């Protein structure tokens, strides 16, 4: 059973939608494009979370470390859609004293 990422991100997350597309280029300038795979549309999200290191940031790091960058988890995006994601990179920056910021880069996961 998949675990759920329950923390809310701070205001201003951004989404990047991409389509996996192949292309055959012919000698006369004609090109043929086609989708790759059944799930060729992917929506990745990035956002930040700020807060006290011990009570806010460290539990998020522990959750992400438990998933090791490749194990999927559930997350509900700002539009209310729950999907599977992975997070293999998450920079953590100290902003002031014990106040830190983690940048979350969620990659949509398509499982079979």
N, C-alpha and C. Protein backbone atom coordinates (compact mmCIF):
# COMPACT_ATOMS: atom_id res chain seq x y z
N UNK A 1 0.84 -1.18 0.00
CA UNK A 1 0.00 0.00 0.00
C UNK A 1 0.88 1.25 0.00
N UNK A 2 0.52 2.19 -0.85
CA UNK A 2 1.31 3.42 -0.96
C UNK A 2 1.04 4.36 0.19
N UNK A 3 2.10 5.00 0.65
CA UNK A 3 1.96 6.03 1.68
C UNK A 3 1.59 7.34 1.01
N UNK A 4 1.06 8.27 1.80
CA UNK A 4 0.62 9.56 1.27
C UNK A 4 1.48 10.68 1.82
N UNK A 5 1.93 11.55 0.93
CA UNK A 5 2.64 12.77 1.30
C UNK A 5 1.58 13.74 1.78
N UNK A 6 1.54 14.04 3.07
CA UNK A 6 0.44 14.80 3.66
C UNK A 6 0.74 16.28 3.89
N UNK A 7 1.97 16.70 3.69
CA UNK A 7 2.33 18.10 3.94
C UNK A 7 1.83 18.97 2.79
N UNK A 8 1.38 20.16 3.12
CA UNK A 8 0.99 21.10 2.08
C UNK A 8 2.23 21.90 1.69
N UNK A 9 2.29 22.26 0.42
CA UNK A 9 3.40 23.10 -0.04
C UNK A 9 3.00 24.55 0.14
N UNK A 10 4.01 25.42 0.23
CA UNK A 10 3.73 26.85 0.36
C UNK A 10 3.11 27.36 -0.94
N UNK A 11 2.54 28.54 -0.88
CA UNK A 11 1.88 29.12 -2.06
C UNK A 11 2.87 29.24 -3.22
N UNK A 12 2.35 29.04 -4.42
CA UNK A 12 3.14 29.23 -5.62
C UNK A 12 3.78 28.00 -6.22
N UNK A 13 3.21 26.77 -6.02
CA UNK A 13 3.80 25.61 -6.70
C UNK A 13 3.61 25.75 -8.20
N UNK A 14 4.47 25.10 -8.96
CA UNK A 14 4.34 25.17 -10.41
C UNK A 14 4.29 23.77 -11.00
N UNK A 15 3.57 23.65 -12.10
CA UNK A 15 3.42 22.37 -12.80
C UNK A 15 4.09 22.45 -14.16
N UNK A 16 4.70 21.35 -14.55
CA UNK A 16 5.31 21.23 -15.88
C UNK A 16 4.70 20.00 -16.54
N UNK A 17 3.93 20.21 -17.59
CA UNK A 17 3.31 19.11 -18.32
C UNK A 17 4.13 18.82 -19.56
N UNK A 18 4.38 17.54 -19.80
CA UNK A 18 5.12 17.17 -21.01
C UNK A 18 4.47 15.93 -21.63
N UNK A 19 4.63 15.83 -22.94
CA UNK A 19 4.13 14.69 -23.70
C UNK A 19 5.32 13.99 -24.35
N UNK A 20 5.37 12.68 -24.17
CA UNK A 20 6.44 11.92 -24.83
C UNK A 20 6.02 11.67 -26.27
N UNK A 21 6.79 12.24 -27.18
CA UNK A 21 6.45 12.20 -28.60
C UNK A 21 7.67 11.75 -29.39
N UNK A 22 7.44 10.89 -30.35
CA UNK A 22 8.49 10.47 -31.28
C UNK A 22 8.28 11.18 -32.61
N UNK A 23 9.33 11.18 -33.42
CA UNK A 23 9.25 11.89 -34.70
C UNK A 23 10.06 11.15 -35.75
N UNK A 24 9.45 10.92 -36.89
CA UNK A 24 10.15 10.38 -38.06
C UNK A 24 10.29 11.51 -39.06
N UNK A 25 11.52 11.84 -39.41
CA UNK A 25 11.78 12.92 -40.36
C UNK A 25 12.10 12.29 -41.71
N UNK A 26 11.40 12.72 -42.74
CA UNK A 26 11.61 12.19 -44.09
C UNK A 26 12.41 13.18 -44.93
N UNK A 27 13.03 12.69 -45.97
CA UNK A 27 13.93 13.49 -46.80
C UNK A 27 13.29 14.66 -47.50
N UNK A 28 12.00 14.60 -47.76
CA UNK A 28 11.34 15.70 -48.48
C UNK A 28 10.83 16.79 -47.54
N UNK A 29 11.24 16.74 -46.27
CA UNK A 29 10.82 17.75 -45.30
C UNK A 29 9.58 17.37 -44.51
N UNK A 30 8.92 16.31 -44.92
CA UNK A 30 7.74 15.84 -44.23
C UNK A 30 8.15 15.14 -42.93
N UNK A 31 7.44 15.43 -41.86
CA UNK A 31 7.72 14.80 -40.57
C UNK A 31 6.44 14.14 -40.04
N UNK A 32 6.62 13.00 -39.45
CA UNK A 32 5.50 12.28 -38.84
C UNK A 32 5.75 12.20 -37.34
N UNK A 33 4.79 12.68 -36.54
CA UNK A 33 4.91 12.63 -35.09
C UNK A 33 3.92 11.63 -34.53
N UNK A 34 4.29 11.02 -33.40
CA UNK A 34 3.43 10.03 -32.76
C UNK A 34 3.71 10.02 -31.27
N UNK A 35 2.68 9.61 -30.51
CA UNK A 35 2.87 9.54 -29.06
C UNK A 35 3.61 8.25 -28.71
N UNK A 36 4.36 8.31 -27.63
CA UNK A 36 5.12 7.15 -27.16
C UNK A 36 4.45 6.62 -25.90
N UNK A 37 4.00 5.40 -25.94
CA UNK A 37 3.41 4.74 -24.79
C UNK A 37 1.95 5.07 -24.57
N UNK A 38 1.36 4.34 -23.64
CA UNK A 38 -0.04 4.55 -23.30
C UNK A 38 -0.21 5.83 -22.50
N UNK A 39 0.67 6.04 -21.54
CA UNK A 39 0.62 7.23 -20.68
C UNK A 39 1.70 8.21 -21.12
N UNK A 40 1.48 8.87 -22.23
CA UNK A 40 2.53 9.74 -22.74
C UNK A 40 2.50 11.15 -22.14
N UNK A 41 1.46 11.46 -21.35
CA UNK A 41 1.36 12.77 -20.71
C UNK A 41 1.81 12.65 -19.25
N UNK A 42 2.72 13.52 -18.86
CA UNK A 42 3.22 13.54 -17.49
C UNK A 42 3.15 14.97 -16.96
N UNK A 43 2.67 15.10 -15.72
CA UNK A 43 2.65 16.41 -15.07
C UNK A 43 3.50 16.34 -13.82
N UNK A 44 4.60 17.07 -13.81
CA UNK A 44 5.50 17.15 -12.67
C UNK A 44 5.25 18.46 -11.94
N UNK A 45 5.46 18.44 -10.64
CA UNK A 45 5.22 19.61 -9.81
C UNK A 45 6.47 19.99 -9.03
N UNK A 46 6.64 21.27 -8.80
CA UNK A 46 7.70 21.73 -7.91
C UNK A 46 7.13 22.81 -7.01
N UNK A 47 7.62 22.83 -5.80
CA UNK A 47 7.17 23.81 -4.82
C UNK A 47 8.11 23.79 -3.63
N UNK A 48 7.85 24.64 -2.68
CA UNK A 48 8.70 24.72 -1.50
C UNK A 48 7.87 24.60 -0.23
N UNK A 49 8.56 24.26 0.83
CA UNK A 49 7.97 24.24 2.17
C UNK A 49 8.99 24.86 3.10
N UNK A 50 8.57 25.83 3.89
CA UNK A 50 9.45 26.50 4.84
C UNK A 50 8.99 26.20 6.25
N UNK A 51 9.95 26.16 7.16
CA UNK A 51 9.58 25.98 8.55
C UNK A 51 10.74 25.56 9.42
N UNK A 52 10.43 25.29 10.67
CA UNK A 52 11.40 24.83 11.64
C UNK A 52 11.99 23.50 11.17
N UNK A 53 13.31 23.37 11.28
CA UNK A 53 13.96 22.17 10.75
C UNK A 53 13.45 20.90 11.43
N UNK A 54 13.43 20.88 12.73
CA UNK A 54 13.10 19.66 13.46
C UNK A 54 11.64 19.25 13.32
N UNK A 55 10.71 20.20 13.33
CA UNK A 55 9.29 19.86 13.33
C UNK A 55 8.63 19.86 11.96
N UNK A 56 9.21 20.58 10.99
CA UNK A 56 8.59 20.67 9.65
C UNK A 56 9.44 19.99 8.58
N UNK A 57 10.70 20.40 8.46
CA UNK A 57 11.55 19.96 7.35
C UNK A 57 12.04 18.52 7.54
N UNK A 58 12.53 18.18 8.72
CA UNK A 58 13.09 16.84 8.96
C UNK A 58 12.07 15.73 8.72
N UNK A 59 10.81 15.86 9.17
CA UNK A 59 9.84 14.80 8.85
C UNK A 59 9.61 14.61 7.35
N UNK A 60 9.67 15.69 6.58
CA UNK A 60 9.53 15.59 5.12
C UNK A 60 10.74 14.86 4.54
N UNK A 61 11.94 15.23 4.99
CA UNK A 61 13.16 14.56 4.52
C UNK A 61 13.09 13.08 4.86
N UNK A 62 12.67 12.74 6.06
CA UNK A 62 12.56 11.33 6.46
C UNK A 62 11.59 10.57 5.56
N UNK A 63 10.46 11.19 5.23
CA UNK A 63 9.48 10.56 4.34
C UNK A 63 10.08 10.31 2.96
N UNK A 64 10.75 11.33 2.42
CA UNK A 64 11.33 11.20 1.08
C UNK A 64 12.49 10.20 1.08
N UNK A 65 13.31 10.21 2.12
CA UNK A 65 14.42 9.25 2.22
C UNK A 65 13.89 7.82 2.30
N UNK A 66 12.78 7.64 2.98
CA UNK A 66 12.17 6.31 3.07
C UNK A 66 11.77 5.78 1.69
N UNK A 67 11.43 6.69 0.77
CA UNK A 67 11.02 6.29 -0.58
C UNK A 67 12.19 6.25 -1.57
N UNK A 68 13.36 6.63 -1.12
CA UNK A 68 14.62 6.47 -1.84
C UNK A 68 14.64 7.00 -3.28
N UNK A 69 13.77 7.93 -3.60
CA UNK A 69 13.79 8.56 -4.91
C UNK A 69 13.13 7.76 -6.02
N UNK A 70 12.80 6.49 -5.76
CA UNK A 70 12.19 5.70 -6.83
C UNK A 70 10.88 5.02 -6.43
N UNK A 71 10.62 4.92 -5.12
CA UNK A 71 9.36 4.31 -4.68
C UNK A 71 8.26 5.36 -4.72
N UNK A 72 7.13 5.06 -5.36
CA UNK A 72 6.07 6.06 -5.49
C UNK A 72 5.30 6.26 -4.18
N UNK A 73 4.73 7.44 -4.08
CA UNK A 73 3.83 7.80 -2.98
C UNK A 73 2.68 8.59 -3.58
N UNK A 74 1.63 8.74 -2.81
CA UNK A 74 0.47 9.50 -3.26
C UNK A 74 0.60 10.95 -2.81
N UNK A 75 0.18 11.87 -3.66
CA UNK A 75 0.15 13.29 -3.32
C UNK A 75 -1.02 13.92 -4.05
N UNK A 76 -1.73 14.80 -3.38
CA UNK A 76 -2.84 15.52 -3.98
C UNK A 76 -2.36 16.90 -4.38
N UNK A 77 -2.41 17.20 -5.67
CA UNK A 77 -1.91 18.48 -6.18
C UNK A 77 -2.88 19.62 -5.82
N UNK A 78 -2.49 20.87 -6.09
CA UNK A 78 -3.34 22.01 -5.74
C UNK A 78 -4.70 22.01 -6.44
N UNK A 79 -4.87 21.21 -7.49
CA UNK A 79 -6.15 21.12 -8.19
C UNK A 79 -7.02 20.01 -7.64
N UNK A 80 -6.53 19.33 -6.60
CA UNK A 80 -7.31 18.27 -5.96
C UNK A 80 -7.19 16.90 -6.60
N UNK A 81 -6.24 16.71 -7.50
CA UNK A 81 -6.05 15.43 -8.17
C UNK A 81 -4.96 14.63 -7.45
N UNK A 82 -5.30 13.43 -7.02
CA UNK A 82 -4.35 12.57 -6.32
C UNK A 82 -3.73 11.60 -7.32
N UNK A 83 -2.40 11.60 -7.37
CA UNK A 83 -1.67 10.72 -8.29
C UNK A 83 -0.43 10.19 -7.58
N UNK A 84 0.24 9.28 -8.27
CA UNK A 84 1.50 8.73 -7.75
C UNK A 84 2.66 9.60 -8.22
N UNK A 85 3.59 9.84 -7.30
CA UNK A 85 4.78 10.64 -7.60
C UNK A 85 6.01 10.02 -6.96
N UNK A 86 7.16 10.42 -7.46
CA UNK A 86 8.43 10.14 -6.80
C UNK A 86 9.13 11.49 -6.62
N UNK A 87 10.13 11.50 -5.76
CA UNK A 87 10.91 12.72 -5.54
C UNK A 87 12.35 12.30 -5.28
N UNK A 88 13.20 12.47 -6.30
CA UNK A 88 14.58 12.00 -6.19
C UNK A 88 15.56 13.11 -5.80
N UNK A 89 15.12 14.36 -5.86
CA UNK A 89 15.98 15.48 -5.48
C UNK A 89 15.17 16.46 -4.65
N UNK A 90 15.77 16.95 -3.56
CA UNK A 90 15.09 17.92 -2.71
C UNK A 90 16.11 18.76 -1.96
N UNK A 91 16.56 19.86 -2.58
CA UNK A 91 17.51 20.75 -1.92
C UNK A 91 16.91 21.36 -0.65
N UNK A 92 17.73 21.49 0.38
CA UNK A 92 17.33 22.08 1.66
C UNK A 92 18.28 23.24 1.94
N UNK A 93 17.70 24.41 2.19
CA UNK A 93 18.50 25.62 2.39
C UNK A 93 18.08 26.28 3.71
N UNK A 94 19.08 26.69 4.48
CA UNK A 94 18.80 27.42 5.71
C UNK A 94 18.48 28.86 5.34
N UNK A 95 17.36 29.37 5.84
CA UNK A 95 16.98 30.75 5.53
C UNK A 95 17.30 31.71 6.66
N UNK A 96 17.14 31.24 7.92
CA UNK A 96 17.47 32.10 9.06
C UNK A 96 17.38 31.26 10.33
N UNK A 97 18.46 31.22 11.09
CA UNK A 97 18.44 30.47 12.34
C UNK A 97 18.06 29.01 12.11
N UNK A 98 17.02 28.55 12.76
CA UNK A 98 16.55 27.18 12.59
C UNK A 98 15.40 27.11 11.60
N UNK A 99 15.25 28.15 10.80
CA UNK A 99 14.21 28.20 9.77
C UNK A 99 14.82 27.76 8.44
N UNK A 100 14.23 26.73 7.83
CA UNK A 100 14.77 26.14 6.61
C UNK A 100 13.72 26.07 5.52
N UNK A 101 14.19 25.85 4.29
CA UNK A 101 13.29 25.69 3.15
C UNK A 101 13.72 24.46 2.37
N UNK A 102 12.74 23.60 2.03
CA UNK A 102 13.00 22.44 1.19
C UNK A 102 12.27 22.65 -0.13
N UNK A 103 12.95 22.37 -1.23
CA UNK A 103 12.34 22.45 -2.55
C UNK A 103 11.96 21.04 -2.97
N UNK A 104 10.70 20.86 -3.30
CA UNK A 104 10.16 19.55 -3.64
C UNK A 104 9.94 19.47 -5.14
N UNK A 105 10.52 18.46 -5.76
CA UNK A 105 10.36 18.23 -7.20
C UNK A 105 9.68 16.88 -7.38
N UNK A 106 8.36 16.91 -7.56
CA UNK A 106 7.57 15.69 -7.68
C UNK A 106 7.45 15.29 -9.15
N UNK A 107 7.87 14.06 -9.45
CA UNK A 107 7.77 13.51 -10.79
C UNK A 107 6.63 12.51 -10.82
N UNK A 108 5.68 12.73 -11.73
CA UNK A 108 4.53 11.82 -11.83
C UNK A 108 5.01 10.42 -12.18
N UNK A 109 4.43 9.45 -11.52
CA UNK A 109 4.81 8.05 -11.71
C UNK A 109 3.66 7.32 -12.41
N UNK A 110 3.97 6.61 -13.49
CA UNK A 110 2.99 5.77 -14.17
C UNK A 110 3.39 4.32 -13.89
N UNK A 111 2.59 3.63 -13.12
CA UNK A 111 2.93 2.25 -12.80
C UNK A 111 2.10 1.29 -13.64
N UNK A 112 2.63 0.10 -13.80
CA UNK A 112 1.93 -0.92 -14.57
C UNK A 112 1.43 -2.01 -13.65
